[in-house]
Amino acid sequence: MSSARVPWLHVIAGCMSSGKTAEVVRLLTRAEIAGRRVLLLTPATDTRVAPGEIVSRTGTRFPSVVVRDSRGVLDEVTTRDPDVVGIEEAQFFDADLVGALESLVAAPRTAIVSGLDLDFAGRPFGVVPELLARADEVTKLTAICVKCGGEGTRTQRLRDGRPARANDPLIVIGGMGDDTYEARCRACHEVPEA
């Protein structure tokens, strides 16, 4: 018994290790308990775990479908016809994700989207800022700064144990059990000039 579909865009943003994935899983699980059909999509770019599921840093698992781009999002939703669509790692999707989500919400469906709002250099990251502006609901999560224990709002990329430079490559997949990324507060976040 599926309840009426609700047109709603919920964007969950924050730095690495802030609990974005755990929050998406919590919300999708609640939707399932309420009798709604859910679908979780992840970008092919994110190769940290095996295809077919997401895993949070706390070990929470949830089944997912890997898609290459925004067109893949629309294709999977058309094929599977969920009431609620979850999308992980929105920053890795192309700019067309904004339009895809607008059409899903208009269908109507609920979309729950998570992503990094800032890249490792503290710059707005991919489509996430646009999604934040269009969202009906925003959840901004923080982590614990590994340097001082304060509120971590930034993602620090480390290369050979030192902060990455501003002109280093934008996307380097990592962060699951390695020292490539860590959460830092604004004061402890370092981005050396090129």
Foldseek 3Di string as FASTA:
>chain_A
DADDFALFEEEEEFEPPQCLVVVLVVVVVVNVVNVWFEAEEEEPVAPPDDAQWDAHLVGDIDGHHYDHELVRVLVVCVVPVTQEYEYEAVLPHALCNVVSSVVDCVVPHYYYYYHYQAFQVRHGGHCRVVSVVVGPHYHYTWHQAPPPRDTFGHKFADDPRHTEAPPPDGDDHDDRPDRGIDTHHPVPRDHHYD
